PDB file of N, CA and C in Angstrom:
ATOM      1  N   MET A   1      68.774  -2.855 -77.376  1.00  0.00           N
ATOM      2  CA  MET A   1      69.885  -3.629 -77.875  1.00  0.00           C
ATOM      3  C   MET A   1      70.995  -3.645 -76.829  1.00  0.00           C
ATOM      4  N   ALA A   2      71.410  -4.822 -76.421  1.00  0.00           N
ATOM      5  CA  ALA A   2      72.468  -4.961 -75.429  1.00  0.00           C
ATOM      6  C   ALA A   2      73.813  -4.645 -76.070  1.00  0.00           C
ATOM      7  N   ARG A   3      74.679  -4.031 -75.301  1.00  0.00           N
ATOM      8  CA  ARG A   3      76.014  -3.691 -75.792  1.00  0.00           C
ATOM      9  C   ARG A   3      77.041  -4.411 -74.928  1.00  0.00           C
ATOM     10  N   ILE A   4      77.776  -5.323 -75.545  1.00  0.00           N
ATOM     11  CA  ILE A   4      78.779  -6.098 -74.827  1.00  0.00           C
ATOM     12  C   ILE A   4      80.100  -5.975 -75.582  1.00  0.00           C
ATOM     13  N   ILE A   5      81.157  -5.616 -74.879  1.00  0.00           N
ATOM     14  CA  ILE A   5      82.496  -5.447 -75.448  1.00  0.00           C
ATOM     15  C   ILE A   5      82.461  -4.533 -76.681  1.00  0.00           C
ATOM     16  N   GLY A   6      81.681  -3.486 -76.636  1.00  0.00           N
ATOM     17  CA  GLY A   6      81.622  -2.532 -77.729  1.00  0.00           C
ATOM     18  C   GLY A   6      80.871  -3.009 -78.956  1.00  0.00           C
ATOM     19  N   VAL A   7      80.113  -4.106 -78.840  1.00  0.00           N
ATOM     20  CA  VAL A   7      79.363  -4.644 -79.976  1.00  0.00           C
ATOM     21  C   VAL A   7      77.886  -4.639 -79.624  1.00  0.00           C
ATOM     22  N   ASN A   8      77.058  -4.167 -80.531  1.00  0.00           N
ATOM     23  CA  ASN A   8      75.613  -4.223 -80.332  1.00  0.00           C
ATOM     24  C   ASN A   8      75.127  -5.642 -80.604  1.00  0.00           C
ATOM     25  N   ILE A   9      74.523  -6.239 -79.607  1.00  0.00           N
ATOM     26  CA  ILE A   9      74.013  -7.596 -79.724  1.00  0.00           C
ATOM     27  C   ILE A   9      72.536  -7.520 -80.070  1.00  0.00           C
ATOM     28  N   PRO A  10      72.084  -8.227 -81.129  1.00  0.00           N
ATOM     29  CA  PRO A  10      70.669  -8.162 -81.515  1.00  0.00           C
ATOM     30  C   PRO A  10      69.750  -8.718 -80.424  1.00  0.00           C
ATOM     31  N   ASP A  11      68.685  -7.982 -80.116  1.00  0.00           N
ATOM     32  CA  ASP A  11      67.756  -8.349 -79.044  1.00  0.00           C
ATOM     33  C   ASP A  11      66.811  -9.472 -79.428  1.00  0.00           C
ATOM     34  N   ASN A  12      66.459  -9.572 -80.688  1.00  0.00           N
ATOM     35  CA  ASN A  12      65.394 -10.479 -81.096  1.00  0.00           C
ATOM     36  C   ASN A  12      65.869 -11.901 -81.373  1.00  0.00           C
ATOM     37  N   LYS A  13      67.148 -12.199 -81.085  1.00  0.00           N
ATOM     38  CA  LYS A  13      67.679 -13.532 -81.346  1.00  0.00           C
ATOM     39  C   LYS A  13      67.911 -14.289 -80.049  1.00  0.00           C
ATOM     40  N   HIS A  14      68.025 -15.604 -80.155  1.00  0.00           N
ATOM     41  CA  HIS A  14      68.353 -16.429 -79.002  1.00  0.00           C
ATOM     42  C   HIS A  14      69.777 -16.117 -78.553  1.00  0.00           C
ATOM     43  N   VAL A  15      70.043 -16.316 -77.276  1.00  0.00           N
ATOM     44  CA  VAL A  15      71.343 -15.956 -76.703  1.00  0.00           C
ATOM     45  C   VAL A  15      72.477 -16.663 -77.444  1.00  0.00           C
ATOM     46  N   GLU A  16      72.299 -17.941 -77.706  1.00  0.00           N
ATOM     47  CA  GLU A  16      73.339 -18.737 -78.371  1.00  0.00           C
ATOM     48  C   GLU A  16      73.722 -18.144 -79.727  1.00  0.00           C
ATOM     49  N   ILE A  17      72.757 -17.675 -80.479  1.00  0.00           N
ATOM     50  CA  ILE A  17      72.997 -17.103 -81.811  1.00  0.00           C
ATOM     51  C   ILE A  17      73.475 -15.662 -81.696  1.00  0.00           C
ATOM     52  N   ALA A  18      72.883 -14.906 -80.787  1.00  0.00           N
ATOM     53  CA  ALA A  18      73.205 -13.488 -80.669  1.00  0.00           C
ATOM     54  C   ALA A  18      74.654 -13.264 -80.251  1.00  0.00           C
ATOM     55  N   LEU A  19      75.193 -14.137 -79.419  1.00  0.00           N
ATOM     56  CA  LEU A  19      76.574 -13.967 -78.966  1.00  0.00           C
ATOM     57  C   LEU A  19      77.579 -14.152 -80.099  1.00  0.00           C
ATOM     58  N   THR A  20      77.164 -14.838 -81.174  1.00  0.00           N
ATOM     59  CA  THR A  20      78.075 -15.034 -82.296  1.00  0.00           C
ATOM     60  C   THR A  20      78.304 -13.742 -83.080  1.00  0.00           C
ATOM     61  N   ALA A  21      77.597 -12.674 -82.753  1.00  0.00           N
ATOM     62  CA  ALA A  21      77.836 -11.377 -83.385  1.00  0.00           C
ATOM     63  C   ALA A  21      79.170 -10.791 -82.942  1.00  0.00           C
ATOM     64  N   ILE A  22      79.737 -11.329 -81.874  1.00  0.00           N
ATOM     65  CA  ILE A  22      81.025 -10.870 -81.372  1.00  0.00           C
ATOM     66  C   ILE A  22      82.125 -11.631 -82.099  1.00  0.00           C
ATOM     67  N   TYR A  23      83.112 -10.914 -82.607  1.00  0.00           N
ATOM     68  CA  TYR A  23      84.219 -11.539 -83.326  1.00  0.00           C
ATOM     69  C   TYR A  23      84.997 -12.439 -82.376  1.00  0.00           C
ATOM     70  N   GLY A  24      85.142 -13.697 -82.739  1.00  0.00           N
ATOM     71  CA  GLY A  24      85.868 -14.645 -81.902  1.00  0.00           C
ATOM     72  C   GLY A  24      84.967 -15.597 -81.147  1.00  0.00           C
ATOM     73  N   ILE A  25      83.640 -15.445 -81.301  1.00  0.00           N
ATOM     74  CA  ILE A  25      82.702 -16.345 -80.638  1.00  0.00           C
ATOM     75  C   ILE A  25      81.870 -17.043 -81.698  1.00  0.00           C
ATOM     76  N   GLY A  26      81.929 -18.363 -81.673  1.00  0.00           N
ATOM     77  CA  GLY A  26      81.107 -19.188 -82.548  1.00  0.00           C
ATOM     78  C   GLY A  26      80.025 -19.850 -81.722  1.00  0.00           C
ATOM     79  N   ARG A  27      79.348 -20.812 -82.315  1.00  0.00           N
ATOM     80  CA  ARG A  27      78.252 -21.488 -81.611  1.00  0.00           C
ATOM     81  C   ARG A  27      78.750 -22.237 -80.383  1.00  0.00           C
ATOM     82  N   LYS A  28      79.860 -22.942 -80.520  1.00  0.00           N
ATOM     83  CA  LYS A  28      80.380 -23.765 -79.432  1.00  0.00           C
ATOM     84  C   LYS A  28      80.754 -22.906 -78.223  1.00  0.00           C
ATOM     85  N   ARG A  29      81.488 -21.835 -78.460  1.00  0.00           N
ATOM     86  CA  ARG A  29      81.896 -20.964 -77.353  1.00  0.00           C
ATOM     87  C   ARG A  29      80.687 -20.248 -76.750  1.00  0.00           C
ATOM     88  N   ALA A  30      79.708 -19.891 -77.574  1.00  0.00           N
ATOM     89  CA  ALA A  30      78.487 -19.272 -77.066  1.00  0.00           C
ATOM     90  C   ALA A  30      77.754 -20.235 -76.138  1.00  0.00           C
ATOM     91  N   GLN A  31      77.729 -21.503 -76.495  1.00  0.00           N
ATOM     92  CA  GLN A  31      77.094 -22.506 -75.634  1.00  0.00           C
ATOM     93  C   GLN A  31      77.854 -22.650 -74.320  1.00  0.00           C
ATOM     94  N   GLU A  32      79.190 -22.625 -74.381  1.00  0.00           N
ATOM     95  CA  GLU A  32      79.991 -22.704 -73.155  1.00  0.00           C
ATOM     96  C   GLU A  32      79.710 -21.523 -72.234  1.00  0.00           C
ATOM     97  N   ILE A  33      79.560 -20.347 -72.815  1.00  0.00           N
ATOM     98  CA  ILE A  33      79.266 -19.146 -72.028  1.00  0.00           C
ATOM     99  C   ILE A  33      77.885 -19.266 -71.386  1.00  0.00           C
ATOM    100  N   CYS A  34      76.898 -19.723 -72.162  1.00  0.00           N
ATOM    101  CA  CYS A  34      75.544 -19.903 -71.625  1.00  0.00           C
ATOM    102  C   CYS A  34      75.546 -20.917 -70.482  1.00  0.00           C
ATOM    103  N   ASP A  35      76.314 -21.994 -70.636  1.00  0.00           N
ATOM    104  CA  ASP A  35      76.393 -22.995 -69.578  1.00  0.00           C
ATOM    105  C   ASP A  35      77.045 -22.427 -68.324  1.00  0.00           C
ATOM    106  N   ALA A  36      78.085 -21.614 -68.500  1.00  0.00           N
ATOM    107  CA  ALA A  36      78.790 -21.037 -67.357  1.00  0.00           C
ATOM    108  C   ALA A  36      77.895 -20.095 -66.564  1.00  0.00           C
ATOM    109  N   VAL A  37      77.029 -19.353 -67.275  1.00  0.00           N
ATOM    110  CA  VAL A  37      76.147 -18.387 -66.622  1.00  0.00           C
ATOM    111  C   VAL A  37      74.793 -19.023 -66.288  1.00  0.00           C
ATOM    112  N   GLN A  38      74.586 -20.252 -66.770  1.00  0.00           N
ATOM    113  CA  GLN A  38      73.345 -20.999 -66.556  1.00  0.00           C
ATOM    114  C   GLN A  38      72.136 -20.302 -67.171  1.00  0.00           C
ATOM    115  N   ILE A  39      72.291 -19.985 -68.456  1.00  0.00           N
ATOM    116  CA  ILE A  39      71.204 -19.391 -69.241  1.00  0.00           C
ATOM    117  C   ILE A  39      70.798 -20.429 -70.281  1.00  0.00           C
ATOM    118  N   PRO A  40      69.494 -20.703 -70.458  1.00  0.00           N
ATOM    119  CA  PRO A  40      69.093 -21.615 -71.536  1.00  0.00           C
ATOM    120  C   PRO A  40      69.399 -20.990 -72.902  1.00  0.00           C
ATOM    121  N   TYR A  41      69.838 -21.824 -73.846  1.00  0.00           N
ATOM    122  CA  TYR A  41      70.230 -21.325 -75.171  1.00  0.00           C
ATOM    123  C   TYR A  41      69.080 -20.632 -75.879  1.00  0.00           C
ATOM    124  N   SER A  42      67.866 -21.101 -75.636  1.00  0.00           N
ATOM    125  CA  SER A  42      66.720 -20.606 -76.391  1.00  0.00           C
ATOM    126  C   SER A  42      66.137 -19.313 -75.831  1.00  0.00           C
ATOM    127  N   LYS A  43      66.694 -18.788 -74.756  1.00  0.00           N
ATOM    128  CA  LYS A  43      66.186 -17.538 -74.187  1.00  0.00           C
ATOM    129  C   LYS A  43      66.604 -16.378 -75.087  1.00  0.00           C
ATOM    130  N   LYS A  44      65.695 -15.448 -75.299  1.00  0.00           N
ATOM    131  CA  LYS A  44      65.984 -14.289 -76.150  1.00  0.00           C
ATOM    132  C   LYS A  44      66.858 -13.292 -75.389  1.00  0.00           C
ATOM    133  N   MET A  45      67.646 -12.533 -76.135  1.00  0.00           N
ATOM    134  CA  MET A  45      68.530 -11.544 -75.512  1.00  0.00           C
ATOM    135  C   MET A  45      67.743 -10.477 -74.755  1.00  0.00           C
ATOM    136  N   ARG A  46      66.599 -10.084 -75.291  1.00  0.00           N
ATOM    137  CA  ARG A  46      65.816  -9.026 -74.640  1.00  0.00           C
ATOM    138  C   ARG A  46      65.237  -9.481 -73.305  1.00  0.00           C
ATOM    139  N   ASP A  47      65.152 -10.815 -73.085  1.00  0.00           N
ATOM    140  CA  ASP A  47      64.592 -11.344 -71.853  1.00  0.00           C
ATOM    141  C   ASP A  47      65.637 -11.553 -70.759  1.00  0.00           C
ATOM    142  N   LEU A  48      66.905 -11.274 -71.055  1.00  0.00           N
ATOM    143  CA  LEU A  48      67.942 -11.457 -70.041  1.00  0.00           C
ATOM    144  C   LEU A  48      67.857 -10.360 -68.991  1.00  0.00           C
ATOM    145  N   SER A  49      68.056 -10.732 -67.741  1.00  0.00           N
ATOM    146  CA  SER A  49      68.091  -9.736 -66.667  1.00  0.00           C
ATOM    147  C   SER A  49      69.471  -9.088 -66.641  1.00  0.00           C
ATOM    148  N   GLU A  50      69.587  -8.019 -65.873  1.00  0.00           N
ATOM    149  CA  GLU A  50      70.858  -7.293 -65.790  1.00  0.00           C
ATOM    150  C   GLU A  50      71.945  -8.157 -65.145  1.00  0.00           C
ATOM    151  N   THR A  51      71.561  -8.991 -64.174  1.00  0.00           N
ATOM    152  CA  THR A  51      72.552  -9.861 -63.526  1.00  0.00           C
ATOM    153  C   THR A  51      73.072 -10.917 -64.499  1.00  0.00           C
ATOM    154  N   GLU A  52      72.185 -11.427 -65.363  1.00  0.00           N
ATOM    155  CA  GLU A  52      72.627 -12.404 -66.362  1.00  0.00           C
ATOM    156  C   GLU A  52      73.566 -11.763 -67.377  1.00  0.00           C
ATOM    157  N   LEU A  53      73.254 -10.519 -67.770  1.00  0.00           N
ATOM    158  CA  LEU A  53      74.139  -9.805 -68.689  1.00  0.00           C
ATOM    159  C   LEU A  53      75.506  -9.572 -68.064  1.00  0.00           C
ATOM    160  N   GLU A  54      75.520  -9.230 -66.793  1.00  0.00           N
ATOM    161  CA  GLU A  54      76.800  -9.036 -66.093  1.00  0.00           C
ATOM    162  C   GLU A  54      77.586 -10.342 -66.037  1.00  0.00           C
ATOM    163  N   GLY A  55      76.890 -11.445 -65.838  1.00  0.00           N
ATOM    164  CA  GLY A  55      77.539 -12.750 -65.842  1.00  0.00           C
ATOM    165  C   GLY A  55      78.163 -13.062 -67.189  1.00  0.00           C
ATOM    166  N   VAL A  56      77.439 -12.737 -68.259  1.00  0.00           N
ATOM    167  CA  VAL A  56      77.956 -12.952 -69.610  1.00  0.00           C
ATOM    168  C   VAL A  56      79.192 -12.075 -69.830  1.00  0.00           C
ATOM    169  N   ARG A  57      79.119 -10.812 -69.414  1.00  0.00           N
ATOM    170  CA  ARG A  57      80.260  -9.894 -69.583  1.00  0.00           C
ATOM    171  C   ARG A  57      81.493 -10.397 -68.832  1.00  0.00           C
ATOM    172  N   SER A  58      81.287 -10.880 -67.600  1.00  0.00           N
ATOM    173  CA  SER A  58      82.429 -11.352 -66.814  1.00  0.00           C
ATOM    174  C   SER A  58      83.013 -12.631 -67.414  1.00  0.00           C
ATOM    175  N   THR A  59      82.171 -13.480 -67.988  1.00  0.00           N
ATOM    176  CA  THR A  59      82.663 -14.696 -68.632  1.00  0.00           C
ATOM    177  C   THR A  59      83.433 -14.356 -69.913  1.00  0.00           C
ATOM    178  N   LEU A  60      82.954 -13.366 -70.650  1.00  0.00           N
ATOM    179  CA  LEU A  60      83.624 -12.965 -71.889  1.00  0.00           C
ATOM    180  C   LEU A  60      84.986 -12.334 -71.616  1.00  0.00           C
ATOM    181  N   ALA A  61      85.175 -11.784 -70.432  1.00  0.00           N
ATOM    182  CA  ALA A  61      86.445 -11.143 -70.097  1.00  0.00           C
ATOM    183  C   ALA A  61      87.602 -12.140 -70.084  1.00  0.00           C
ATOM    184  N   LYS A  62      87.302 -13.432 -69.985  1.00  0.00           N
ATOM    185  CA  LYS A  62      88.342 -14.466 -69.945  1.00  0.00           C
ATOM    186  C   LYS A  62      88.938 -14.745 -71.325  1.00  0.00           C
ATOM    187  N   TYR A  63      88.234 -14.356 -72.385  1.00  0.00           N
ATOM    188  CA  TYR A  63      88.650 -14.684 -73.744  1.00  0.00           C
ATOM    189  C   TYR A  63      89.275 -13.480 -74.441  1.00  0.00           C
ATOM    190  N   THR A  64      90.104 -13.766 -75.459  1.00  0.00           N
ATOM    191  CA  THR A  64      90.625 -12.730 -76.338  1.00  0.00           C
ATOM    192  C   THR A  64      89.611 -12.547 -77.464  1.00  0.00           C
ATOM    193  N   LEU A  65      89.002 -11.370 -77.545  1.00  0.00           N
ATOM    194  CA  LEU A  65      87.921 -11.136 -78.505  1.00  0.00           C
ATOM    195  C   LEU A  65      88.085  -9.799 -79.210  1.00  0.00           C
ATOM    196  N   GLU A  66      87.273  -9.598 -80.213  1.00  0.00           N
ATOM    197  CA  GLU A  66      87.132  -8.359 -80.967  1.00  0.00           C
ATOM    198  C   GLU A  66      88.470  -7.757 -81.386  1.00  0.00           C
ATOM    199  N   GLY A  67      88.776  -6.536 -80.988  1.00  0.00           N
ATOM    200  CA  GLY A  67      89.950  -5.800 -81.475  1.00  0.00           C
ATOM    201  C   GLY A  67      91.263  -6.511 -81.202  1.00  0.00           C
ATOM    202  N   ASP A  68      91.410  -7.054 -79.993  1.00  0.00           N
ATOM    203  CA  ASP A  68      92.650  -7.750 -79.649  1.00  0.00           C
ATOM    204  C   ASP A  68      92.854  -8.975 -80.527  1.00  0.00           C
ATOM    205  N   LEU A  69      91.795  -9.730 -80.756  1.00  0.00           N
ATOM    206  CA  LEU A  69      91.881 -10.929 -81.583  1.00  0.00           C
ATOM    207  C   LEU A  69      92.159 -10.562 -83.033  1.00  0.00           C
ATOM    208  N   ARG A  70      91.503  -9.534 -83.544  1.00  0.00           N
ATOM    209  CA  ARG A  70      91.754  -9.086 -84.920  1.00  0.00           C
ATOM    210  C   ARG A  70      93.215  -8.670 -85.082  1.00  0.00           C
ATOM    211  N   ARG A  71      93.734  -7.933 -84.096  1.00  0.00           N
ATOM    212  CA  ARG A  71      95.125  -7.487 -84.125  1.00  0.00           C
ATOM    213  C   ARG A  71      96.079  -8.691 -84.102  1.00  0.00           C
ATOM    214  N   GLU A  72      95.768  -9.670 -83.267  1.00  0.00           N
ATOM    215  CA  GLU A  72      96.601 -10.865 -83.162  1.00  0.00           C
ATOM    216  C   GLU A  72      96.643 -11.633 -84.480  1.00  0.00           C
ATOM    217  N   VAL A  73      95.492 -11.787 -85.114  1.00  0.00           N
ATOM    218  CA  VAL A  73      95.420 -12.496 -86.399  1.00  0.00           C
ATOM    219  C   VAL A  73      96.190 -11.723 -87.472  1.00  0.00           C
ATOM    220  N   ALA A  74      96.038 -10.399 -87.494  1.00  0.00           N
ATOM    221  CA  ALA A  74      96.742  -9.575 -88.482  1.00  0.00           C
ATOM    222  C   ALA A  74      98.253  -9.674 -88.287  1.00  0.00           C
ATOM    223  N   LEU A  75      98.704  -9.687 -87.036  1.00  0.00           N
ATOM    224  CA  LEU A  75     100.138  -9.813 -86.764  1.00  0.00           C
ATOM    225  C   LEU A  75     100.661 -11.189 -87.172  1.00  0.00           C
ATOM    226  N   ASN A  76      99.850 -12.228 -86.983  1.00  0.00           N
ATOM    227  CA  ASN A  76     100.262 -13.565 -87.408  1.00  0.00           C
ATOM    228  C   ASN A  76     100.436 -13.630 -88.926  1.00  0.00           C
ATOM    229  N   ILE A  77      99.494 -13.013 -89.647  1.00  0.00           N
ATOM    230  CA  ILE A  77      99.585 -12.995 -91.110  1.00  0.00           C
ATOM    231  C   ILE A  77     100.793 -12.171 -91.547  1.00  0.00           C
ATOM    232  N   LYS A  78     100.998 -11.041 -90.887  1.00  0.00           N
ATOM    233  CA  LYS A  78     102.139 -10.178 -91.219  1.00  0.00           C
ATOM    234  C   LYS A  78     103.457 -10.918 -90.991  1.00  0.00           C
ATOM    235  N   ARG A  79     103.530 -11.699 -89.918  1.00  0.00           N
ATOM    236  CA  ARG A  79     104.731 -12.479 -89.616  1.00  0.00           C
ATOM    237  C   ARG A  79     104.996 -13.498 -90.716  1.00  0.00           C
ATOM    238  N   LEU A  80     103.938 -14.179 -91.178  1.00  0.00           N
ATOM    239  CA  LEU A  80     104.096 -15.153 -92.261  1.00  0.00           C
ATOM    240  C   LEU A  80     104.598 -14.494 -93.539  1.00  0.00           C
ATOM    241  N   VAL A  81     104.083 -13.305 -93.829  1.00  0.00           N
ATOM    242  CA  VAL A  81     104.493 -12.590 -95.039  1.00  0.00           C
ATOM    243  C   VAL A  81     105.960 -12.190 -94.930  1.00  0.00           C
ATOM    244  N   GLU A  82     106.360 -11.674 -93.762  1.00  0.00           N
ATOM    245  CA  GLU A  82     107.745 -11.222 -93.578  1.00  0.00           C
ATOM    246  C   GLU A  82     108.736 -12.381 -93.640  1.00  0.00           C
ATOM    247  N   LEU A  83     108.338 -13.544 -93.126  1.00  0.00           N
ATOM    248  CA  LEU A  83     109.216 -14.717 -93.175  1.00  0.00           C
ATOM    249  C   LEU A  83     109.340 -15.273 -94.584  1.00  0.00           C
ATOM    250  N   GLY A  84     108.397 -14.929 -95.442  1.00  0.00           N
ATOM    251  CA  GLY A  84     108.427 -15.402 -96.817  1.00  0.00           C
ATOM    252  C   GLY A  84     107.973 -16.839 -96.959  1.00  0.00           C
ATOM    253  N   THR A  85     107.137 -17.300 -96.047  1.00  0.00           N
ATOM    254  CA  THR A  85     106.627 -18.661 -96.135  1.00  0.00           C
ATOM    255  C   THR A  85     105.657 -18.771 -97.300  1.00  0.00           C
ATOM    256  N   TYR A  86     105.347 -20.011 -97.671  1.00  0.00           N
ATOM    257  CA  TYR A  86     104.403 -20.239 -98.753  1.00  0.00           C
ATOM    258  C   TYR A  86     103.056 -19.614 -98.424  1.00  0.00           C
ATOM    259  N   ARG A  87     102.582 -19.828 -97.188  1.00  0.00           N
ATOM    260  CA  ARG A  87     101.293 -19.241 -96.787  1.00  0.00           C
ATOM    261  C   ARG A  87     101.353 -17.720 -96.817  1.00  0.00           C
ATOM    262  N   GLY A  88     102.492 -17.156 -96.422  1.00  0.00           N
ATOM    263  CA  GLY A  88     102.653 -15.709 -96.451  1.00  0.00           C
ATOM    264  C   GLY A  88     102.580 -15.158 -97.863  1.00  0.00           C
ATOM    265  N   LEU A  89     103.215 -15.863 -98.801  1.00  0.00           N
ATOM    266  CA  LEU A  89     103.171 -15.421-100.196  1.00  0.00           C
ATOM    267  C   LEU A  89     101.756 -15.487-100.744  1.00  0.00           C
ATOM    268  N   ARG A  90     100.995 -16.536-100.371  1.00  0.00           N
ATOM    269  CA  ARG A  90      99.613 -16.654-100.824  1.00  0.00           C
ATOM    270  C   ARG A  90      98.765 -15.500-100.272  1.00  0.00           C
ATOM    271  N   HIS A  91      98.986 -15.146 -98.999  1.00  0.00           N
ATOM    272  CA  HIS A  91      98.272 -14.001 -98.421  1.00  0.00           C
ATOM    273  C   HIS A  91      98.623 -12.727 -99.183  1.00  0.00           C
ATOM    274  N   LYS A  92      99.902 -12.537 -99.456  1.00  0.00           N
ATOM    275  CA  LYS A  92     100.383 -11.333-100.125  1.00  0.00           C
ATOM    276  C   LYS A  92      99.781 -11.179-101.517  1.00  0.00           C
ATOM    277  N   ARG A  93      99.670 -12.314-102.230  1.00  0.00           N
ATOM    278  CA  ARG A  93      99.140 -12.289-103.593  1.00  0.00           C
ATOM    279  C   ARG A  93      97.623 -12.338-103.647  1.00  0.00           C
ATOM    280  N   GLY A  94      96.980 -12.538-102.508  1.00  0.00           N
ATOM    281  CA  GLY A  94      95.528 -12.580-102.489  1.00  0.00           C
ATOM    282  C   GLY A  94      94.951 -13.862-103.054  1.00  0.00           C
ATOM    283  N   LEU A  95      95.670 -14.959-102.904  1.00  0.00           N
ATOM    284  CA  LEU A  95      95.221 -16.256-103.408  1.00  0.00           C
ATOM    285  C   LEU A  95      94.790 -17.139-102.247  1.00  0.00           C
ATOM    286  N   PRO A  96      94.081 -18.232-102.511  1.00  0.00           N
ATOM    287  CA  PRO A  96      93.691 -19.140-101.434  1.00  0.00           C
ATOM    288  C   PRO A  96      94.923 -19.695-100.724  1.00  0.00           C
ATOM    289  N   VAL A  97      94.846 -19.778 -99.398  1.00  0.00           N
ATOM    290  CA  VAL A  97      96.001 -20.106 -98.584  1.00  0.00           C
ATOM    291  C   VAL A  97      96.053 -21.587 -98.236  1.00  0.00           C
ATOM    292  N   ARG A  98      94.930 -22.245 -98.136  1.00  0.00           N
ATOM    293  CA  ARG A  98      94.893 -23.580 -97.558  1.00  0.00           C
ATOM    294  C   ARG A  98      94.722 -24.708 -98.560  1.00  0.00           C
ATOM    295  N   GLY A  99      95.363 -24.578 -99.717  1.00  0.00           N
ATOM    296  CA  GLY A  99      95.417 -25.694-100.647  1.00  0.00           C
ATOM    297  C   GLY A  99      94.212 -25.872-101.549  1.00  0.00           C
ATOM    298  N   GLN A 100      93.320 -24.893-101.610  1.00  0.00           N
ATOM    299  CA  GLN A 100      92.166 -25.031-102.501  1.00  0.00           C
ATOM    300  C   GLN A 100      92.614 -24.926-103.953  1.00  0.00           C
ATOM    301  N   ARG A 101      91.826 -25.492-104.850  1.00  0.00           N
ATOM    302  CA  ARG A 101      92.150 -25.396-106.261  1.00  0.00           C
ATOM    303  C   ARG A 101      91.883 -23.975-106.761  1.00  0.00           C
ATOM    304  N   THR A 102      92.667 -23.528-107.727  1.00  0.00           N
ATOM    305  CA  THR A 102      92.482 -22.167-108.233  1.00  0.00           C
ATOM    306  C   THR A 102      92.145 -22.142-109.718  1.00  0.00           C
ATOM    307  N   LYS A 103      92.209 -23.297-110.380  1.00  0.00           N
ATOM    308  CA  LYS A 103      91.913 -23.288-111.816  1.00  0.00           C
ATOM    309  C   LYS A 103      90.480 -22.868-112.062  1.00  0.00           C
ATOM    310  N   THR A 104      89.549 -23.333-111.210  1.00  0.00           N
ATOM    311  CA  THR A 104      88.163 -22.940-111.413  1.00  0.00           C
ATOM    312  C   THR A 104      87.589 -22.146-110.250  1.00  0.00           C
ATOM    313  N   ASN A 105      87.687 -22.588-109.026  1.00  0.00           N
ATOM    314  CA  ASN A 105      86.793 -22.095-107.989  1.00  0.00           C
ATOM    315  C   ASN A 105      87.241 -20.927-107.111  1.00  0.00           C
ATOM    316  N   ALA A 106      88.354 -20.309-107.317  1.00  0.00           N
ATOM    317  CA  ALA A 106      88.838 -19.307-106.366  1.00  0.00           C
ATOM    318  C   ALA A 106      88.406 -17.889-106.715  1.00  0.00           C
ATOM    319  N   HIS A 107      87.229 -17.729-107.287  1.00  0.00           N
ATOM    320  CA  HIS A 107      86.820 -16.415-107.788  1.00  0.00           C
ATOM    321  C   HIS A 107      86.732 -15.356-106.700  1.00  0.00           C
ATOM    322  N   THR A 108      86.200 -15.692-105.542  1.00  0.00           N
ATOM    323  CA  THR A 108      86.028 -14.669-104.508  1.00  0.00           C
ATOM    324  C   THR A 108      87.367 -14.197-103.974  1.00  0.00           C
ATOM    325  N   ARG A 109      88.359 -15.048-103.965  1.00  0.00           N
ATOM    326  CA  ARG A 109      89.667 -14.662-103.454  1.00  0.00           C
ATOM    327  C   ARG A 109      90.510 -13.967-104.519  1.00  0.00           C
ATOM    328  N   LYS A 110      90.305 -14.317-105.790  1.00  0.00           N
ATOM    329  CA  LYS A 110      91.129 -13.784-106.869  1.00  0.00           C
ATOM    330  C   LYS A 110      90.547 -12.540-107.526  1.00  0.00           C
ATOM    331  N   LYS A 111      89.301 -12.248-107.239  1.00  0.00           N
ATOM    332  CA  LYS A 111      88.600 -11.147-107.918  1.00  0.00           C
ATOM    333  C   LYS A 111      89.296  -9.814-107.694  1.00  0.00           C
ATOM    334  N   LYS A 112      89.334  -9.005-108.738  1.00  0.00           N
ATOM    335  CA  LYS A 112      89.883  -7.657-108.605  1.00  0.00           C
ATOM    336  C   LYS A 112      88.963  -6.807-107.745  1.00  0.00           C
ATOM    337  N   ARG A 113      89.545  -6.087-106.806  1.00  0.00           N
ATOM    338  CA  ARG A 113      88.747  -5.254-105.919  1.00  0.00           C
ATOM    339  C   ARG A 113      88.523  -3.884-106.558  1.00  0.00           C
ATOM    340  N   ARG A 114      87.317  -3.357-106.377  1.00  0.00           N
ATOM    341  CA  ARG A 114      87.003  -2.047-106.937  1.00  0.00           C
ATOM    342  C   ARG A 114      87.617  -0.960-106.077  1.00  0.00           C
ATOM    343  N   LYS A 115      88.100   0.072-106.713  1.00  0.00           N
ATOM    344  CA  LYS A 115      88.662   1.206-105.983  1.00  0.00           C
ATOM    345  C   LYS A 115      87.525   2.076-105.492  1.00  0.00           C
ATOM    346  N   VAL A 116      87.660   2.559-104.280  1.00  0.00           N
ATOM    347  CA  VAL A 116      86.607   3.381-103.683  1.00  0.00           C
ATOM    348  C   VAL A 116      86.923   4.836-103.889  1.00  0.00           C
TER     349      VAL A 116
END
């Protein structure tokens, strides 16, 4: 199992899909990374050479990912809550933030969380 930026990347998946295991990388960005390193999308992670892995690591260094990105998102939400904006209040109350209906469909966001 390859380890990139502190994340275990699954070996048995195609590079394009496997890179999405990293927080902050979706399909589009994974394709951009593959293009930059010149790796075919359909190549499996276990078949990558060490030089290709190094190329992927150096390309990923250009982006804000994993812990830094999570921290940035959390600070943005915290800022909204402190300012008292409508979106901040929705985050604080645990309700849908982006205008979804709540009369019927917001069960996953409104559900009471179990205490551990």
